[in-house]
C-alpha atoms as a PDB file:
ATOM      1  CA  UNK A   1     220.811 106.867 -38.875  1.00  0.00           C
ATOM      2  CA  UNK A   2     220.968 110.239 -40.589  1.00  0.00           C
ATOM      3  CA  UNK A   3     224.171 111.870 -41.753  1.00  0.00           C
ATOM      4  CA  UNK A   4     222.959 115.139 -40.244  1.00  0.00           C
ATOM      5  CA  UNK A   5     222.743 113.527 -36.791  1.00  0.00           C
ATOM      6  CA  UNK A   6     226.233 112.064 -37.148  1.00  0.00           C
ATOM      7  CA  UNK A   7     227.513 115.571 -37.870  1.00  0.00           C
ATOM      8  CA  UNK A   8     225.707 116.785 -34.751  1.00  0.00           C
ATOM      9  CA  UNK A   9     227.376 114.014 -32.765  1.00  0.00           C
ATOM     10  CA  UNK A  10     230.830 114.907 -34.114  1.00  0.00           C
ATOM     11  CA  UNK A  11     230.368 118.553 -33.189  1.00  0.00           C
ATOM     12  CA  UNK A  12     229.391 117.619 -29.620  1.00  0.00           C
ATOM     13  CA  UNK A  13     232.334 115.201 -29.404  1.00  0.00           C
ATOM     14  CA  UNK A  14     234.667 117.980 -30.554  1.00  0.00           C
ATOM     15  CA  UNK A  15     233.345 120.677 -28.229  1.00  0.00           C
ATOM     16  CA  UNK A  16     232.689 118.353 -25.273  1.00  0.00           C
ATOM     17  CA  UNK A  17     229.801 120.636 -24.416  1.00  0.00           C
ATOM     18  CA  UNK A  18     226.234 120.417 -25.743  1.00  0.00           C
ATOM     19  CA  UNK A  19     225.486 124.119 -25.246  1.00  0.00           C
ATOM     20  CA  UNK A  20     228.547 125.217 -27.249  1.00  0.00           C
ATOM     21  CA  UNK A  21     227.857 122.636 -29.949  1.00  0.00           C
ATOM     22  CA  UNK A  22     224.220 123.748 -30.259  1.00  0.00           C
ATOM     23  CA  UNK A  23     225.292 127.358 -30.845  1.00  0.00           C
ATOM     24  CA  UNK A  24     227.780 126.330 -33.525  1.00  0.00           C
ATOM     25  CA  UNK A  25     225.176 124.121 -35.203  1.00  0.00           C
ATOM     26  CA  UNK A  26     222.482 126.840 -34.970  1.00  0.00           C
ATOM     27  CA  UNK A  27     220.017 124.536 -33.212  1.00  0.00           C
ATOM     28  CA  UNK A  28     218.519 124.746 -29.760  1.00  0.00           C
ATOM     29  CA  UNK A  29     220.067 122.802 -26.913  1.00  0.00           C
ATOM     30  CA  UNK A  30     216.891 120.730 -26.275  1.00  0.00           C
ATOM     31  CA  UNK A  31     216.759 119.788 -29.972  1.00  0.00           C
ATOM     32  CA  UNK A  32     220.403 118.692 -29.965  1.00  0.00           C
ATOM     33  CA  UNK A  33     220.017 116.755 -26.715  1.00  0.00           C
ATOM     34  CA  UNK A  34     216.960 114.983 -28.090  1.00  0.00           C
ATOM     35  CA  UNK A  35     218.810 114.008 -31.299  1.00  0.00           C
ATOM     36  CA  UNK A  36     221.687 112.574 -29.285  1.00  0.00           C
ATOM     37  CA  UNK A  37     219.366 110.551 -27.039  1.00  0.00           C
ATOM     38  CA  UNK A  38     217.583 109.178 -30.110  1.00  0.00           C
ATOM     39  CA  UNK A  39     220.952 108.206 -31.565  1.00  0.00           C
ATOM     40  CA  UNK A  40     221.836 106.364 -28.356  1.00  0.00           C
ATOM     41  CA  UNK A  41     218.449 104.601 -28.440  1.00  0.00           C
ATOM     42  CA  UNK A  42     218.932 103.636 -32.079  1.00  0.00           C
ATOM     43  CA  UNK A  43     222.374 102.154 -31.408  1.00  0.00           C
ATOM     44  CA  UNK A  44     221.356 100.818 -27.985  1.00  0.00           C
ATOM     45  CA  UNK A  45     224.545 102.170 -26.390  1.00  0.00           C
ATOM     46  CA  UNK A  46     225.595 105.016 -24.107  1.00  0.00           C
ATOM     47  CA  UNK A  47     227.727 107.477 -26.085  1.00  0.00           C
ATOM     48  CA  UNK A  48     228.515 110.094 -23.416  1.00  0.00           C
ATOM     49  CA  UNK A  49     229.281 110.484 -19.764  1.00  0.00           C
ATOM     50  CA  UNK A  50     227.335 113.647 -18.912  1.00  0.00           C
ATOM     51  CA  UNK A  51     229.103 115.739 -16.263  1.00  0.00           C
ATOM     52  CA  UNK A  52     228.279 119.105 -14.690  1.00  0.00           C
ATOM     53  CA  UNK A  53     230.164 121.316 -17.155  1.00  0.00           C
ATOM     54  CA  UNK A  54     231.155 119.008 -19.993  1.00  0.00           C
ATOM     55  CA  UNK A  55     230.704 115.576 -21.501  1.00  0.00           C
ATOM     56  CA  UNK A  56     233.133 112.753 -22.223  1.00  0.00           C
ATOM     57  CA  UNK A  57     232.857 110.003 -24.798  1.00  0.00           C
ATOM     58  CA  UNK A  58     232.369 106.432 -23.664  1.00  0.00           C
ATOM     59  CA  UNK A  59     234.314 103.663 -25.420  1.00  0.00           C
ATOM     60  CA  UNK A  60     231.299 103.205 -27.688  1.00  0.00           C
ATOM     61  CA  UNK A  61     231.247 106.957 -28.298  1.00  0.00           C
ATOM     62  CA  UNK A  62     234.905 106.959 -29.338  1.00  0.00           C
ATOM     63  CA  UNK A  63     234.229 104.100 -31.757  1.00  0.00           C
ATOM     64  CA  UNK A  64     231.269 105.956 -33.252  1.00  0.00           C
ATOM     65  CA  UNK A  65     233.361 109.130 -33.572  1.00  0.00           C
ATOM     66  CA  UNK A  66     235.927 107.247 -35.635  1.00  0.00           C
ATOM     67  CA  UNK A  67     233.284 105.659 -37.860  1.00  0.00           C
ATOM     68  CA  UNK A  68     231.317 108.907 -38.194  1.00  0.00           C
ATOM     69  CA  UNK A  69     234.460 110.773 -39.239  1.00  0.00           C
ATOM     70  CA  UNK A  70     235.026 108.175 -41.964  1.00  0.00           C
ATOM     71  CA  UNK A  71     231.427 108.502 -43.180  1.00  0.00           C
ATOM     72  CA  UNK A  72     231.559 112.303 -43.260  1.00  0.00           C
ATOM     73  CA  UNK A  73     234.917 112.151 -45.037  1.00  0.00           C
ATOM     74  CA  UNK A  74     233.443 109.881 -47.714  1.00  0.00           C
ATOM     75  CA  UNK A  75     230.487 112.244 -48.139  1.00  0.00           C
ATOM     76  CA  UNK A  76     232.877 115.152 -48.656  1.00  0.00           C
ATOM     77  CA  UNK A  77     234.882 113.131 -51.176  1.00  0.00           C
ATOM     78  CA  UNK A  78     231.704 112.279 -53.116  1.00  0.00           C
ATOM     79  CA  UNK A  79     230.850 115.962 -53.351  1.00  0.00           C
ATOM     80  CA  UNK A  80     234.385 116.730 -54.525  1.00  0.00           C
ATOM     81  CA  UNK A  81     234.310 113.913 -57.093  1.00  0.00           C
ATOM     82  CA  UNK A  82     231.140 115.211 -58.712  1.00  0.00           C
ATOM     83  CA  UNK A  83     232.095 118.871 -58.703  1.00  0.00           C
ATOM     84  CA  UNK A  84     232.128 119.731 -62.383  1.00  0.00           C
ATOM     85  CA  UNK A  85     234.242 122.257 -64.227  1.00  0.00           C
ATOM     86  CA  UNK A  86     233.991 122.261 -67.986  1.00  0.00           C
ATOM     87  CA  UNK A  87     237.513 123.623 -68.471  1.00  0.00           C
ATOM     88  CA  UNK A  88     239.577 122.385 -65.506  1.00  0.00           C
ATOM     89  CA  UNK A  89     239.971 119.194 -63.509  1.00  0.00           C
ATOM     90  CA  UNK A  90     238.854 119.696 -59.914  1.00  0.00           C
ATOM     91  CA  UNK A  91     238.420 117.461 -56.902  1.00  0.00           C
ATOM     92  CA  UNK A  92     240.107 116.008 -53.850  1.00  0.00           C
ATOM     93  CA  UNK A  93     242.647 113.174 -53.871  1.00  0.00           C
ATOM     94  CA  UNK A  94     243.472 111.553 -50.540  1.00  0.00           C
ATOM     95  CA  UNK A  95     246.919 109.983 -50.367  1.00  0.00           C
ATOM     96  CA  UNK A  96     248.094 107.683 -47.602  1.00  0.00           C
ATOM     97  CA  UNK A  97     251.840 107.344 -47.184  1.00  0.00           C
ATOM     98  CA  UNK A  98     254.259 105.882 -44.725  1.00  0.00           C
ATOM     99  CA  UNK A  99     257.651 107.076 -43.575  1.00  0.00           C
ATOM    100  CA  UNK A 100     260.025 106.069 -46.357  1.00  0.00           C
ATOM    101  CA  UNK A 101     262.395 107.555 -48.874  1.00  0.00           C
ATOM    102  CA  UNK A 102     259.690 106.994 -51.495  1.00  0.00           C
ATOM    103  CA  UNK A 103     257.870 110.030 -50.067  1.00  0.00           C
ATOM    104  CA  UNK A 104     260.504 112.213 -51.734  1.00  0.00           C
ATOM    105  CA  UNK A 105     259.505 110.875 -55.152  1.00  0.00           C
ATOM    106  CA  UNK A 106     255.807 110.998 -54.277  1.00  0.00           C
ATOM    107  CA  UNK A 107     256.046 114.644 -53.234  1.00  0.00           C
ATOM    108  CA  UNK A 108     257.734 115.494 -56.550  1.00  0.00           C
ATOM    109  CA  UNK A 109     254.985 113.688 -58.486  1.00  0.00           C
ATOM    110  CA  UNK A 110     252.227 115.528 -56.619  1.00  0.00           C
ATOM    111  CA  UNK A 111     253.977 118.868 -57.033  1.00  0.00           C
ATOM    112  CA  UNK A 112     254.526 118.393 -60.780  1.00  0.00           C
ATOM    113  CA  UNK A 113     250.923 117.245 -61.286  1.00  0.00           C
ATOM    114  CA  UNK A 114     249.620 120.261 -59.377  1.00  0.00           C
ATOM    115  CA  UNK A 115     251.394 122.682 -61.694  1.00  0.00           C
ATOM    116  CA  UNK A 116     249.105 121.695 -64.561  1.00  0.00           C
ATOM    117  CA  UNK A 117     246.079 120.893 -62.367  1.00  0.00           C
ATOM    118  CA  UNK A 118     246.018 123.667 -59.769  1.00  0.00           C
ATOM    119  CA  UNK A 119     242.350 123.130 -58.830  1.00  0.00           C
ATOM    120  CA  UNK A 120     242.935 119.558 -57.646  1.00  0.00           C
ATOM    121  CA  UNK A 121     243.434 119.475 -53.873  1.00  0.00           C
ATOM    122  CA  UNK A 122     245.286 116.811 -51.909  1.00  0.00           C
ATOM    123  CA  UNK A 123     244.865 115.402 -48.438  1.00  0.00           C
ATOM    124  CA  UNK A 124     247.994 113.674 -47.132  1.00  0.00           C
ATOM    125  CA  UNK A 125     247.578 111.056 -44.401  1.00  0.00           C
ATOM    126  CA  UNK A 126     250.625 109.506 -42.729  1.00  0.00           C
ATOM    127  CA  UNK A 127     250.215 105.949 -41.469  1.00  0.00           C
ATOM    128  CA  UNK A 128     251.860 102.542 -41.621  1.00  0.00           C
ATOM    129  CA  UNK A 129     251.251 100.317 -44.638  1.00  0.00           C
ATOM    130  CA  UNK A 130     248.683  98.078 -42.945  1.00  0.00           C
ATOM    131  CA  UNK A 131     246.570 101.074 -41.886  1.00  0.00           C
ATOM    132  CA  UNK A 132     246.792 102.580 -45.374  1.00  0.00           C
ATOM    133  CA  UNK A 133     245.582  99.325 -46.921  1.00  0.00           C
ATOM    134  CA  UNK A 134     242.585  99.273 -44.574  1.00  0.00           C
ATOM    135  CA  UNK A 135     241.791 102.872 -45.513  1.00  0.00           C
ATOM    136  CA  UNK A 136     242.025 102.016 -49.211  1.00  0.00           C
ATOM    137  CA  UNK A 137     239.588  99.143 -48.719  1.00  0.00           C
ATOM    138  CA  UNK A 138     237.129 101.391 -46.839  1.00  0.00           C
ATOM    139  CA  UNK A 139     237.379 104.111 -49.461  1.00  0.00           C
ATOM    140  CA  UNK A 140     238.725 106.819 -47.158  1.00  0.00           C
ATOM    141  CA  UNK A 141     242.031 106.885 -49.046  1.00  0.00           C
ATOM    142  CA  UNK A 142     242.272 107.006 -52.862  1.00  0.00           C
ATOM    143  CA  UNK A 143     245.869 105.978 -53.379  1.00  0.00           C
ATOM    144  CA  UNK A 144     248.582 104.782 -51.042  1.00  0.00           C
ATOM    145  CA  UNK A 145     252.343 104.589 -50.899  1.00  0.00           C
ATOM    146  CA  UNK A 146     253.194 101.343 -49.131  1.00  0.00           C
ATOM    147  CA  UNK A 147     256.566 100.247 -47.788  1.00  0.00           C
ATOM    148  CA  UNK A 148     257.579  96.731 -48.796  1.00  0.00           C
ATOM    149  CA  UNK A 149     257.292  93.912 -47.919  1.00  0.00           C
ATOM    150  CA  UNK A 150     253.538  94.175 -48.455  1.00  0.00           C
ATOM    151  CA  UNK A 151     250.820  92.120 -50.162  1.00  0.00           C
ATOM    152  CA  UNK A 152     249.528  94.104 -53.162  1.00  0.00           C
ATOM    153  CA  UNK A 153     247.717  91.321 -55.054  1.00  0.00           C
ATOM    154  CA  UNK A 154     244.332  93.082 -54.939  1.00  0.00           C
ATOM    155  CA  UNK A 155     245.631  96.477 -56.079  1.00  0.00           C
ATOM    156  CA  UNK A 156     246.854  98.166 -59.207  1.00  0.00           C
ATOM    157  CA  UNK A 157     250.335  99.462 -58.559  1.00  0.00           C
ATOM    158  CA  UNK A 158     253.462 101.203 -59.747  1.00  0.00           C
ATOM    159  CA  UNK A 159     256.740 100.559 -58.003  1.00  0.00           C
ATOM    160  CA  UNK A 160     259.141 103.283 -56.955  1.00  0.00           C
ATOM    161  CA  UNK A 161     262.499 101.949 -58.116  1.00  0.00           C
ATOM    162  CA  UNK A 162     264.658 103.511 -55.418  1.00  0.00           C
ATOM    163  CA  UNK A 163     265.216 101.310 -52.378  1.00  0.00           C
ATOM    164  CA  UNK A 164     266.464 102.252 -48.953  1.00  0.00           C
ATOM    165  CA  UNK A 165     268.537 100.468 -46.377  1.00  0.00           C
ATOM    166  CA  UNK A 166     267.557  99.044 -43.034  1.00  0.00           C
ATOM    167  CA  UNK A 167     269.835  99.670 -40.118  1.00  0.00           C
ATOM    168  CA  UNK A 168     269.887 100.820 -36.519  1.00  0.00           C
ATOM    169  CA  UNK A 169     269.407 104.360 -35.246  1.00  0.00           C
ATOM    170  CA  UNK A 170     271.294 105.165 -32.062  1.00  0.00           C
ATOM    171  CA  UNK A 171     272.651 107.983 -29.923  1.00  0.00           C
ATOM    172  CA  UNK A 172     275.895 109.540 -31.119  1.00  0.00           C
ATOM    173  CA  UNK A 173     277.665 108.453 -27.910  1.00  0.00           C
ATOM    174  CA  UNK A 174     276.836 104.760 -28.431  1.00  0.00           C
ATOM    175  CA  UNK A 175     279.736 102.390 -29.233  1.00  0.00           C
ATOM    176  CA  UNK A 176     277.705 101.318 -32.287  1.00  0.00           C
ATOM    177  CA  UNK A 177     277.936 104.853 -33.719  1.00  0.00           C
ATOM    178  CA  UNK A 178     281.605 104.248 -34.565  1.00  0.00           C
ATOM    179  CA  UNK A 179     280.835 101.216 -36.744  1.00  0.00           C
ATOM    180  CA  UNK A 180     280.517 101.302 -40.541  1.00  0.00           C
ATOM    181  CA  UNK A 181     277.845  98.591 -40.349  1.00  0.00           C
ATOM    182  CA  UNK A 182     276.309  96.205 -37.809  1.00  0.00           C
ATOM    183  CA  UNK A 183     275.901  92.429 -37.939  1.00  0.00           C
ATOM    184  CA  UNK A 184     273.270  90.404 -36.049  1.00  0.00           C
ATOM    185  CA  UNK A 185     275.645  89.476 -33.248  1.00  0.00           C
ATOM    186  CA  UNK A 186     276.488  93.170 -32.661  1.00  0.00           C
ATOM    187  CA  UNK A 187     272.947  93.840 -31.425  1.00  0.00           C
ATOM    188  CA  UNK A 188     272.529  91.100 -28.846  1.00  0.00           C
ATOM    189  CA  UNK A 189     273.467  93.326 -25.888  1.00  0.00           C
ATOM    190  CA  UNK A 190     271.209  96.234 -26.872  1.00  0.00           C
ATOM    191  CA  UNK A 191     267.549  96.903 -26.187  1.00  0.00           C
ATOM    192  CA  UNK A 192     265.788  97.246 -29.546  1.00  0.00           C
ATOM    193  CA  UNK A 193     262.792  99.216 -30.793  1.00  0.00           C
ATOM    194  CA  UNK A 194     261.271  97.132 -33.587  1.00  0.00           C
ATOM    195  CA  UNK A 195     258.502  97.454 -36.181  1.00  0.00           C
ATOM    196  CA  UNK A 196     255.175  95.846 -35.271  1.00  0.00           C
ATOM    197  CA  UNK A 197     254.227  94.995 -38.897  1.00  0.00           C
ATOM    198  CA  UNK A 198     253.959  91.203 -39.305  1.00  0.00           C
ATOM    199  CA  UNK A 199     255.553  91.069 -42.761  1.00  0.00           C
ATOM    200  CA  UNK A 200     258.447  93.270 -41.653  1.00  0.00           C
ATOM    201  CA  UNK A 201     258.961  91.131 -38.557  1.00  0.00           C
ATOM    202  CA  UNK A 202     259.326  88.091 -40.826  1.00  0.00           C
ATOM    203  CA  UNK A 203     262.012  89.885 -42.861  1.00  0.00           C
ATOM    204  CA  UNK A 204     263.840  90.876 -39.679  1.00  0.00           C
ATOM    205  CA  UNK A 205     263.642  87.347 -38.291  1.00  0.00           C
ATOM    206  CA  UNK A 206     265.193  85.998 -41.489  1.00  0.00           C
ATOM    207  CA  UNK A 207     268.002  88.569 -41.312  1.00  0.00           C
ATOM    208  CA  UNK A 208     268.852  87.725 -37.685  1.00  0.00           C
ATOM    209  CA  UNK A 209     268.529  83.986 -38.176  1.00  0.00           C
ATOM    210  CA  UNK A 210     269.239  82.046 -34.981  1.00  0.00           C
ATOM    211  CA  UNK A 211     270.106  85.271 -33.149  1.00  0.00           C
ATOM    212  CA  UNK A 212     266.501  86.506 -33.273  1.00  0.00           C
ATOM    213  CA  UNK A 213     265.360  84.554 -30.207  1.00  0.00           C
ATOM    214  CA  UNK A 214     268.185  86.132 -28.178  1.00  0.00           C
ATOM    215  CA  UNK A 215     267.161  89.739 -28.872  1.00  0.00           C
ATOM    216  CA  UNK A 216     266.075  92.177 -26.157  1.00  0.00           C
ATOM    217  CA  UNK A 217     263.026  93.902 -27.663  1.00  0.00           C
ATOM    218  CA  UNK A 218     262.110  96.908 -25.529  1.00  0.00           C
ATOM    219  CA  UNK A 219     259.210  98.211 -27.624  1.00  0.00           C
ATOM    220  CA  UNK A 220     257.318  97.862 -30.897  1.00  0.00           C
ATOM    221  CA  UNK A 221     256.396 100.818 -33.133  1.00  0.00           C
ATOM    222  CA  UNK A 222     254.312 101.428 -36.250  1.00  0.00           C
ATOM    223  CA  UNK A 223     255.745 104.810 -37.333  1.00  0.00           C
ATOM    224  CA  UNK A 224     259.233 106.068 -36.709  1.00  0.00           C
ATOM    225  CA  UNK A 225     258.764 109.815 -36.305  1.00  0.00           C
ATOM    226  CA  UNK A 226     258.705 109.751 -32.504  1.00  0.00           C
ATOM    227  CA  UNK A 227     261.426 107.140 -32.116  1.00  0.00           C
ATOM    228  CA  UNK A 228     264.080 109.835 -31.742  1.00  0.00           C
ATOM    229  CA  UNK A 229     262.738 110.835 -28.313  1.00  0.00           C
ATOM    230  CA  UNK A 230     262.827 107.272 -26.991  1.00  0.00           C
ATOM    231  CA  UNK A 231     266.320 106.726 -28.384  1.00  0.00           C
ATOM    232  CA  UNK A 232     267.645 109.938 -26.854  1.00  0.00           C
ATOM    233  CA  UNK A 233     266.139 108.963 -23.501  1.00  0.00           C
ATOM    234  CA  UNK A 234     267.915 105.602 -23.678  1.00  0.00           C
ATOM    235  CA  UNK A 235     264.962 103.248 -24.011  1.00  0.00           C
ATOM    236  CA  UNK A 236     266.896 101.462 -26.732  1.00  0.00           C
ATOM    237  CA  UNK A 237     268.119 101.677 -30.320  1.00  0.00           C
ATOM    238  CA  UNK A 238     265.759 101.532 -33.273  1.00  0.00           C
ATOM    239  CA  UNK A 239     265.850  98.903 -36.001  1.00  0.00           C
ATOM    240  CA  UNK A 240     264.464 101.050 -38.821  1.00  0.00           C
ATOM    241  CA  UNK A 241     264.697 102.417 -42.346  1.00  0.00           C
ATOM    242  CA  UNK A 242     267.386 104.978 -43.143  1.00  0.00           C
ATOM    243  CA  UNK A 243     264.927 107.763 -44.045  1.00  0.00           C
ATOM    244  CA  UNK A 244     263.813 108.040 -40.401  1.00  0.00           C
ATOM    245  CA  UNK A 245     267.307 109.352 -39.560  1.00  0.00           C
ATOM    246  CA  UNK A 246     267.071 112.603 -41.511  1.00  0.00           C
ATOM    247  CA  UNK A 247     267.869 115.645 -39.351  1.00  0.00           C
ATOM    248  CA  UNK A 248     267.429 113.713 -36.095  1.00  0.00           C
ATOM    249  CA  UNK A 249     270.848 114.368 -34.525  1.00  0.00           C
ATOM    250  CA  UNK A 250     271.406 110.621 -34.192  1.00  0.00           C
ATOM    251  CA  UNK A 251     273.587 108.089 -36.007  1.00  0.00           C
ATOM    252  CA  UNK A 252     272.297 105.557 -38.517  1.00  0.00           C
ATOM    253  CA  UNK A 253     274.376 102.410 -39.114  1.00  0.00           C
ATOM    254  CA  UNK A 254     273.412 100.113 -42.009  1.00  0.00           C
ATOM    255  CA  UNK A 255     273.136  96.356 -41.683  1.00  0.00           C
ATOM    256  CA  UNK A 256     275.517  93.693 -42.977  1.00  0.00           C
ATOM    257  CA  UNK A 257     274.397  91.607 -44.752  1.00  0.00           C
ATOM    258  CA  UNK A 258     272.415  94.377 -46.452  1.00  0.00           C
ATOM    259  CA  UNK A 259     268.643  94.509 -45.990  1.00  0.00           C
ATOM    260  CA  UNK A 260     266.594  96.866 -48.209  1.00  0.00           C
ATOM    261  CA  UNK A 261     262.952  97.822 -48.798  1.00  0.00           C
ATOM    262  CA  UNK A 262     261.246  99.580 -51.676  1.00  0.00           C
ATOM    263  CA  UNK A 263     258.010 101.529 -51.935  1.00  0.00           C
ATOM    264  CA  UNK A 264     255.017 101.015 -54.186  1.00  0.00           C
ATOM    265  CA  UNK A 265     252.074 103.217 -55.168  1.00  0.00           C
ATOM    266  CA  UNK A 266     248.767 101.300 -55.052  1.00  0.00           C
ATOM    267  CA  UNK A 267     245.090 101.929 -55.784  1.00  0.00           C
ATOM    268  CA  UNK A 268     242.076  99.615 -55.854  1.00  0.00           C
ATOM    269  CA  UNK A 269     241.367  97.502 -58.904  1.00  0.00           C
ATOM    270  CA  UNK A 270     238.124  97.917 -60.868  1.00  0.00           C
ATOM    271  CA  UNK A 271     237.400 101.203 -59.139  1.00  0.00           C
ATOM    272  CA  UNK A 272     235.358 103.876 -60.900  1.00  0.00           C
ATOM    273  CA  UNK A 273     237.729 106.833 -60.733  1.00  0.00           C
ATOM    274  CA  UNK A 274     236.808 110.471 -60.305  1.00  0.00           C
ATOM    275  CA  UNK A 275     238.120 112.830 -63.027  1.00  0.00           C
ATOM    276  CA  UNK A 276     240.843 114.027 -60.655  1.00  0.00           C
ATOM    277  CA  UNK A 277     241.949 110.504 -59.734  1.00  0.00           C
ATOM    278  CA  UNK A 278     241.835 109.366 -63.360  1.00  0.00           C
ATOM    279  CA  UNK A 279     244.090 112.251 -64.375  1.00  0.00           C
ATOM    280  CA  UNK A 280     246.476 111.616 -61.482  1.00  0.00           C
ATOM    281  CA  UNK A 281     246.714 107.861 -62.149  1.00  0.00           C
ATOM    282  CA  UNK A 282     247.449 108.489 -65.824  1.00  0.00           C
ATOM    283  CA  UNK A 283     250.102 111.005 -64.829  1.00  0.00           C
ATOM    284  CA  UNK A 284     251.572 108.538 -62.316  1.00  0.00           C
ATOM    285  CA  UNK A 285     251.738 105.726 -64.895  1.00  0.00           C
ATOM    286  CA  UNK A 286     253.734 107.913 -67.281  1.00  0.00           C
ATOM    287  CA  UNK A 287     256.025 109.320 -64.590  1.00  0.00           C
ATOM    288  CA  UNK A 288     259.573 108.004 -64.504  1.00  0.00           C
ATOM    289  CA  UNK A 289     260.284 106.316 -61.171  1.00  0.00           C
ATOM    290  CA  UNK A 290     264.047 106.132 -61.708  1.00  0.00           C
END
C-alpha cells in the first residue's frame, strides 16, 4: 500500500467525486479510478458506493479514511521533525487537550514558549482524555493535557497544580440555580447528563454513594462544549467540571461534599524527541505550574 495512493483516496473521499479529485491531483480520471480499484483489491473490501454524480464511502471506506489521515499526519510530522535550521528551532508540535481549567495554563505556556521559538508551529486537538491517550500511543499527538482521574503510569508527566470543582450546570430558571451547593439527594428528581469516561464514572459513583442507583441518567457525553444546547432545551442538567460553564448563560452549582479534578501534562516515555519537542519539554519542566 503506497502513501501516494492513500493520498489519492483521501482526496476522492474529500471531494466525493473522482473527476474533481483527478483534476486536483493532476492525474487522469482513468488513472485515478484504476488506483482506487487496485486499493480495493489489495484490501479486499469495497471502499465506495459509486453513484451517478458522486461517490459515498462505505463503512470500510470511512475506517480507511480515518487510518489514512493518521498515516498522512505522521508523515507530515516526520518531515517537520527533520526540517533543519542551524540557527532556530523549527517543527510541529501536536497537543491534545480536554476541556478543563488547565487549558488556561497550557495556553500561557505555549504562548510564552512561542515568543522565543516563533518558527515552532502547534496543532491543537480537543478530545477527551481517553482519546488523547490513544493518540499519544499511536504517535499522532506529541503531548497531551489529561483531566484526572487518569492512569499515567506509562507516561512522563508534569502536573498542573490548580484544581477545579465538579458540580451541576443548569438553566437559570431551575430551582437548583438558587442553591449555593448541591448534595447527592438534591439531584434524585433531575435528569442528568453524565461523563462517559469509566474512571470519572467511578469517582461520581463514590460521591453519590447509595444514591447512585436511583439517578435518572438521560445521556452520556465525552466533551462538554455542546452540553449547553441540551441543557437549554431541557434534556437535563449536566454533571460536569466548572470550566465548562464559562460564558454559557447558565448557572453552575458546586457539589457538597466537594469533588475536584486536576490536570496533568503527559508525553510518552523513552521517546526520541524532535528538536522542537525537546525544547518544549525542557521549557515545560522548568515552568511554574502554581
